[in-house]
Amino acid sequence: MSTSTQATDDRLPVAYLSHGAPPLADDATWTAELAAWGKELPKPKQILMVSAHWENAPVTVSSTSGAGLTYDFWGFPQKYYEVTYDAPAASELAESVARLVGTPERPVHQDPSRGLDHGAYVPLVEMFPDADVPVLQMSMPTLDPVELFELGRKLAPLRDAGTLIIGSGFTTHNLRWFRPSGDADDAPPAPSSEFDHWAAETMASGDLDALFDFMTKAPAAHEAHPRTEHWAPLYVALGAANPDGAASASAQTTVDGFWYGLSKRSWQLA
């Protein structure tokens, strides 16, 4: 992978990544792929994470005063609750998000108790292991693709200030397919493979209309996403990458393949 998709010397690209569950940390292949991606990216001044695991309206941002991590999962071995990621506070970024997204009628809220959830810190531990870049998490106020795209467009100026905007979800996410007792590299179910293939082709072509109407246009969409929260962060990323609203064919696959039947495909967008 190269960073040729970066639009200018100053403007950072945008990312959508499949983040995995906490046991991602034990997968040598995937962690190596994320680490390599992190090294290829220009080092950001700050990171704005939009995770599938935080839905809240109006738009809300995480703590900037050391709330720690939010271990938003249950039934895992103790070691996964002992992971730390002490990234610096991102108070300036919180102010910028409030200015760009908030309105007098619907100001951006801040949750002082909210730390980074596993959709944020699990991939960041691999991509930016030094934890030396300030990180802020932002909630999704809706799952509507067009509204999330418009939200991303409003956030686009942050890229010129050195902000890496990351939508963190999963390209296919049906937990009935998840079989951790098997091999992570086992062949995926046909619906997972079909949706992944469609997603790769549609992102490469920049067909925003098809992406917005994915539940109708994509094969096996309802099976790949029984609920759409893990696909939704893609639209924030797309909006940030296309602030003029035009279609773009600049999406570059950075990670592909499957993990226990789920597509881990991830993209970098100029």
Protein backbone atom coordinates (compact mmCIF):
# COMPACT_ATOMS: atom_id res chain seq x y z
CA MET A 1 0.00 0.00 0.00
CA SER A 2 1.15 3.53 -0.64
CA THR A 3 -0.15 6.87 0.51
CA SER A 4 -0.73 8.09 -3.04
CA THR A 5 -4.42 8.56 -2.25
CA GLN A 6 -3.57 11.52 -0.03
CA ALA A 7 -5.14 14.55 -1.70
CA THR A 8 -2.54 17.14 -0.73
CA ASP A 9 0.60 17.34 1.35
CA ASP A 10 -1.46 18.73 4.22
CA ARG A 11 -4.86 17.12 3.90
CA LEU A 12 -5.05 13.71 5.52
CA PRO A 13 -6.93 10.84 3.91
CA VAL A 14 -10.03 9.33 5.50
CA ALA A 15 -10.45 5.72 6.58
CA TYR A 16 -13.16 3.15 7.06
CA LEU A 17 -11.93 0.07 8.86
CA SER A 18 -13.32 -3.19 10.11
CA HIS A 19 -12.34 -3.19 13.74
CA GLY A 20 -12.83 -6.73 15.03
CA ALA A 21 -13.64 -7.84 18.54
CA PRO A 22 -11.09 -7.67 21.39
CA PRO A 23 -9.54 -11.04 20.31
CA LEU A 24 -8.36 -9.26 17.15
CA ALA A 25 -5.24 -8.59 19.21
CA ASP A 26 -4.43 -12.32 19.04
CA ASP A 27 -4.67 -12.53 15.24
CA ALA A 28 -1.15 -12.16 13.86
CA THR A 29 -2.27 -11.58 10.27
CA TRP A 30 -4.81 -8.87 10.94
CA THR A 31 -2.73 -7.04 13.52
CA ALA A 32 0.19 -6.99 11.06
CA GLU A 33 -2.08 -5.57 8.35
CA LEU A 34 -3.32 -2.79 10.63
CA ALA A 35 0.21 -2.04 11.84
CA ALA A 36 1.47 -1.75 8.27
CA TRP A 37 -1.41 0.58 7.38
CA GLY A 38 -0.67 2.78 10.37
CA LYS A 39 2.99 3.07 9.35
CA GLU A 40 2.08 4.03 5.78
CA LEU A 41 -0.31 6.78 6.86
CA PRO A 42 1.02 10.28 7.40
CA LYS A 43 1.14 10.80 11.15
CA PRO A 44 -1.98 12.72 12.11
CA LYS A 45 -2.11 15.63 14.51
CA GLN A 46 -5.25 14.11 16.00
CA ILE A 47 -7.78 11.35 15.31
CA LEU A 48 -11.57 11.50 15.21
CA MET A 49 -13.15 8.05 15.63
CA VAL A 50 -16.73 7.23 14.68
CA SER A 51 -17.45 3.75 16.01
CA ALA A 52 -20.35 1.42 15.34
CA HIS A 53 -20.67 1.01 19.08
CA TRP A 54 -21.80 4.51 19.92
CA GLU A 55 -25.17 5.75 18.76
CA ASN A 56 -26.40 8.88 20.45
CA ALA A 57 -28.39 11.92 19.36
CA PRO A 58 -27.65 14.72 19.25
CA VAL A 59 -24.02 14.30 18.24
CA THR A 60 -21.95 13.66 21.36
CA VAL A 61 -18.20 13.52 21.84
CA SER A 62 -16.19 11.54 24.34
CA SER A 63 -14.34 12.76 27.40
CA THR A 64 -11.33 15.02 27.05
CA SER A 65 -10.36 14.66 30.69
CA GLY A 66 -9.04 11.13 31.02
CA ALA A 67 -12.10 8.88 31.28
CA GLY A 68 -10.05 5.86 30.20
CA LEU A 69 -11.47 3.14 27.99
CA THR A 70 -15.02 1.85 27.75
CA TYR A 71 -14.94 -1.96 27.85
CA ASP A 72 -18.24 -2.40 26.05
CA PHE A 73 -18.25 -6.20 25.84
CA TRP A 74 -19.07 -9.09 28.12
CA GLY A 75 -17.91 -12.64 28.75
CA PHE A 76 -14.35 -12.31 27.48
CA PRO A 77 -11.20 -13.43 29.32
CA GLN A 78 -9.88 -10.96 31.89
CA LYS A 79 -6.86 -9.97 29.79
CA TYR A 80 -9.09 -8.06 27.38
CA TYR A 81 -10.31 -5.84 30.23
CA GLU A 82 -6.73 -4.96 31.15
CA VAL A 83 -5.83 -3.39 27.82
CA THR A 84 -4.92 0.30 28.10
CA TYR A 85 -4.55 3.04 25.51
CA ASP A 86 -3.59 6.32 27.11
CA ALA A 87 -3.87 8.66 24.14
CA PRO A 88 -3.64 12.38 24.91
CA ALA A 89 -6.81 14.40 25.37
CA ALA A 90 -8.23 16.01 22.24
CA SER A 91 -9.92 19.09 23.67
CA GLU A 92 -9.14 21.27 20.66
CA LEU A 93 -10.65 18.69 18.35
CA ALA A 94 -13.78 18.54 20.51
CA GLU A 95 -14.14 22.30 20.12
CA SER A 96 -13.69 22.03 16.36
CA VAL A 97 -16.32 19.29 16.06
CA ALA A 98 -18.75 21.38 18.10
CA ARG A 99 -18.16 24.36 15.85
CA LEU A 100 -18.54 22.44 12.58
CA VAL A 101 -21.45 20.20 13.48
CA GLY A 102 -23.40 21.92 16.23
CA THR A 103 -26.18 24.44 15.81
CA PRO A 104 -27.84 26.72 18.38
CA GLU A 105 -30.85 24.40 18.29
CA ARG A 106 -28.81 21.17 18.49
CA PRO A 107 -25.41 21.81 20.01
CA VAL A 108 -22.86 19.03 20.24
CA HIS A 109 -22.91 17.40 23.67
CA GLN A 110 -19.98 15.99 25.59
CA ASP A 111 -20.14 12.90 27.78
CA PRO A 112 -17.42 13.31 30.44
CA SER A 113 -17.74 9.65 31.45
CA ARG A 114 -17.31 8.22 27.97
CA GLY A 115 -13.96 6.72 27.07
CA LEU A 116 -12.94 5.12 23.78
CA ASP A 117 -14.91 1.94 23.13
CA HIS A 118 -13.50 -1.21 21.54
CA GLY A 119 -14.45 -0.04 18.06
CA ALA A 120 -11.96 2.77 18.61
CA TYR A 121 -9.12 1.49 20.75
CA VAL A 122 -8.83 -2.09 19.46
CA PRO A 123 -7.64 -0.98 15.97
CA LEU A 124 -5.75 2.05 17.29
CA VAL A 125 -3.60 -0.14 19.55
CA GLU A 126 -2.36 -1.85 16.38
CA MET A 127 -2.17 1.18 14.06
CA PHE A 128 -0.77 3.76 16.48
CA PRO A 129 0.74 1.69 19.29
CA ASP A 130 2.64 4.59 20.86
CA ALA A 131 -0.68 6.20 21.85
CA ASP A 132 0.90 9.60 21.25
CA VAL A 133 -1.84 11.05 19.02
CA PRO A 134 -4.85 12.75 20.66
CA VAL A 135 -8.07 10.81 20.01
CA LEU A 136 -11.70 11.89 20.24
CA GLN A 137 -14.70 9.66 19.67
CA MET A 138 -17.93 10.98 18.20
CA SER A 139 -21.34 9.34 18.32
CA MET A 140 -23.54 8.54 15.35
CA PRO A 141 -26.83 10.43 15.79
CA THR A 142 -28.60 8.26 13.20
CA LEU A 143 -28.05 5.22 10.98
CA ASP A 144 -29.46 6.94 7.90
CA PRO A 145 -26.78 6.83 5.17
CA VAL A 146 -27.56 10.24 3.66
CA GLU A 147 -27.66 12.00 7.02
CA LEU A 148 -24.36 10.42 8.04
CA PHE A 149 -22.83 11.41 4.71
CA GLU A 150 -23.90 15.01 5.33
CA LEU A 151 -22.39 14.82 8.80
CA GLY A 152 -19.13 13.67 7.26
CA ARG A 153 -19.18 16.56 4.79
CA LYS A 154 -19.40 19.02 7.67
CA LEU A 155 -16.38 17.37 9.29
CA ALA A 156 -14.26 17.49 6.12
CA PRO A 157 -12.40 20.73 7.05
CA LEU A 158 -10.80 18.85 9.94
CA ARG A 159 -8.66 17.00 7.40
CA ASP A 160 -6.86 20.22 6.53
CA ALA A 161 -6.00 20.66 10.21
CA GLY A 162 -4.21 17.34 10.37
CA THR A 163 -7.12 15.22 11.60
CA LEU A 164 -7.46 11.60 10.57
CA ILE A 165 -11.17 10.79 10.41
CA ILE A 166 -11.88 7.08 10.87
CA GLY A 167 -15.19 5.29 10.53
CA SER A 168 -14.90 2.03 12.46
CA GLY A 169 -17.34 -0.79 11.74
CA PHE A 170 -17.29 -4.14 9.94
CA THR A 171 -17.87 -4.73 6.24
CA THR A 172 -20.07 -7.71 7.06
CA HIS A 173 -21.44 -8.21 10.54
CA ASN A 174 -23.73 -11.14 11.20
CA LEU A 175 -22.70 -12.74 14.46
CA ARG A 176 -24.50 -15.96 13.54
CA TRP A 177 -21.58 -16.52 11.18
CA PHE A 178 -18.97 -15.90 13.87
CA ARG A 179 -17.43 -19.24 14.88
CA PRO A 180 -14.37 -18.61 17.07
CA SER A 181 -14.02 -22.34 17.69
CA GLY A 182 -12.95 -22.73 14.07
CA ASP A 183 -10.09 -21.22 12.09
CA ALA A 184 -10.10 -17.46 11.54
CA ASP A 185 -9.22 -18.05 7.87
CA ASP A 186 -11.99 -20.57 7.15
CA ALA A 187 -13.99 -19.86 3.99
CA PRO A 188 -16.78 -17.36 4.74
CA PRO A 189 -20.49 -18.03 4.23
CA ALA A 190 -21.59 -17.24 0.68
CA PRO A 191 -23.67 -14.18 1.69
CA SER A 192 -20.65 -12.63 3.44
CA SER A 193 -18.50 -13.19 0.36
CA GLU A 194 -21.17 -11.83 -1.98
CA PHE A 195 -21.66 -8.63 -0.01
CA ASP A 196 -17.90 -8.13 0.31
CA HIS A 197 -17.45 -8.50 -3.46
CA TRP A 198 -20.23 -5.98 -4.13
CA ALA A 199 -18.79 -3.56 -1.59
CA ALA A 200 -15.32 -3.74 -3.15
CA GLU A 201 -16.64 -3.09 -6.65
CA THR A 202 -19.06 -0.35 -5.64
CA MET A 203 -16.51 1.53 -3.54
CA ALA A 204 -13.97 1.30 -6.37
CA SER A 205 -16.48 2.76 -8.84
CA GLY A 206 -17.52 5.54 -6.46
CA ASP A 207 -21.22 4.83 -6.97
CA LEU A 208 -22.67 6.80 -4.08
CA ASP A 209 -26.27 6.20 -5.13
CA ALA A 210 -25.79 2.45 -4.92
CA LEU A 211 -24.00 2.77 -1.59
CA PHE A 212 -26.80 4.88 -0.13
CA ASP A 213 -29.35 2.30 -1.30
CA PHE A 214 -27.26 -0.71 -0.30
CA MET A 215 -30.12 -2.56 1.36
CA THR A 216 -31.81 -2.77 -2.05
CA LYS A 217 -28.78 -2.87 -4.36
CA ALA A 218 -26.30 -5.11 -2.51
CA PRO A 219 -26.62 -8.91 -2.59
CA ALA A 220 -27.35 -10.47 0.79
CA ALA A 221 -27.46 -7.04 2.44
CA HIS A 222 -30.00 -8.06 5.07
CA GLU A 223 -27.92 -11.11 5.95
CA ALA A 224 -24.62 -9.24 5.95
CA HIS A 225 -26.10 -6.52 8.16
CA PRO A 226 -29.17 -7.66 10.14
CA ARG A 227 -28.72 -4.27 11.80
CA THR A 228 -26.74 -1.62 9.94
CA GLU A 229 -24.69 0.06 12.68
CA HIS A 230 -21.43 -1.60 11.59
CA TRP A 231 -21.81 -0.39 8.01
CA ALA A 232 -23.05 3.09 8.97
CA PRO A 233 -19.64 4.63 9.88
CA LEU A 234 -18.66 4.23 6.22
CA TYR A 235 -21.01 7.06 5.31
CA VAL A 236 -19.33 9.52 7.65
CA ALA A 237 -16.02 8.60 6.03
CA LEU A 238 -17.47 8.97 2.54
CA GLY A 239 -18.86 12.41 3.36
CA ALA A 240 -15.55 13.59 4.78
CA ALA A 241 -13.82 12.35 1.63
CA ASN A 242 -16.39 13.94 -0.71
CA PRO A 243 -17.29 17.32 0.79
CA ASP A 244 -18.61 18.59 -2.56
CA GLY A 245 -21.03 15.65 -2.68
CA ALA A 246 -19.57 14.25 -5.90
CA ALA A 247 -18.88 10.59 -6.50
CA SER A 248 -15.31 9.46 -6.01
CA ALA A 249 -13.36 6.46 -7.27
CA SER A 250 -10.41 7.07 -4.95
CA ALA A 251 -11.22 4.37 -2.42
CA GLN A 252 -8.27 2.03 -1.95
CA THR A 253 -8.65 -1.32 -0.20
CA THR A 254 -6.05 -1.50 2.56
CA VAL A 255 -7.14 -4.71 4.29
CA ASP A 256 -9.18 -7.55 2.84
CA GLY A 257 -10.05 -11.14 3.61
CA PHE A 258 -12.30 -12.62 6.27
CA TRP A 259 -12.12 -13.25 10.00
CA TYR A 260 -14.29 -16.09 11.28
CA GLY A 261 -16.63 -15.53 8.34
CA LEU A 262 -16.87 -11.73 8.60
CA SER A 263 -15.37 -9.42 5.99
CA LYS A 264 -12.56 -7.31 7.39
CA ARG A 265 -12.29 -5.19 4.23
CA SER A 266 -11.13 -1.65 4.97
CA TRP A 267 -10.56 1.39 2.78
CA GLN A 268 -8.49 4.53 2.61
CA LEU A 269 -10.12 7.46 0.81
CA ALA A 270 -8.46 10.55 -0.60
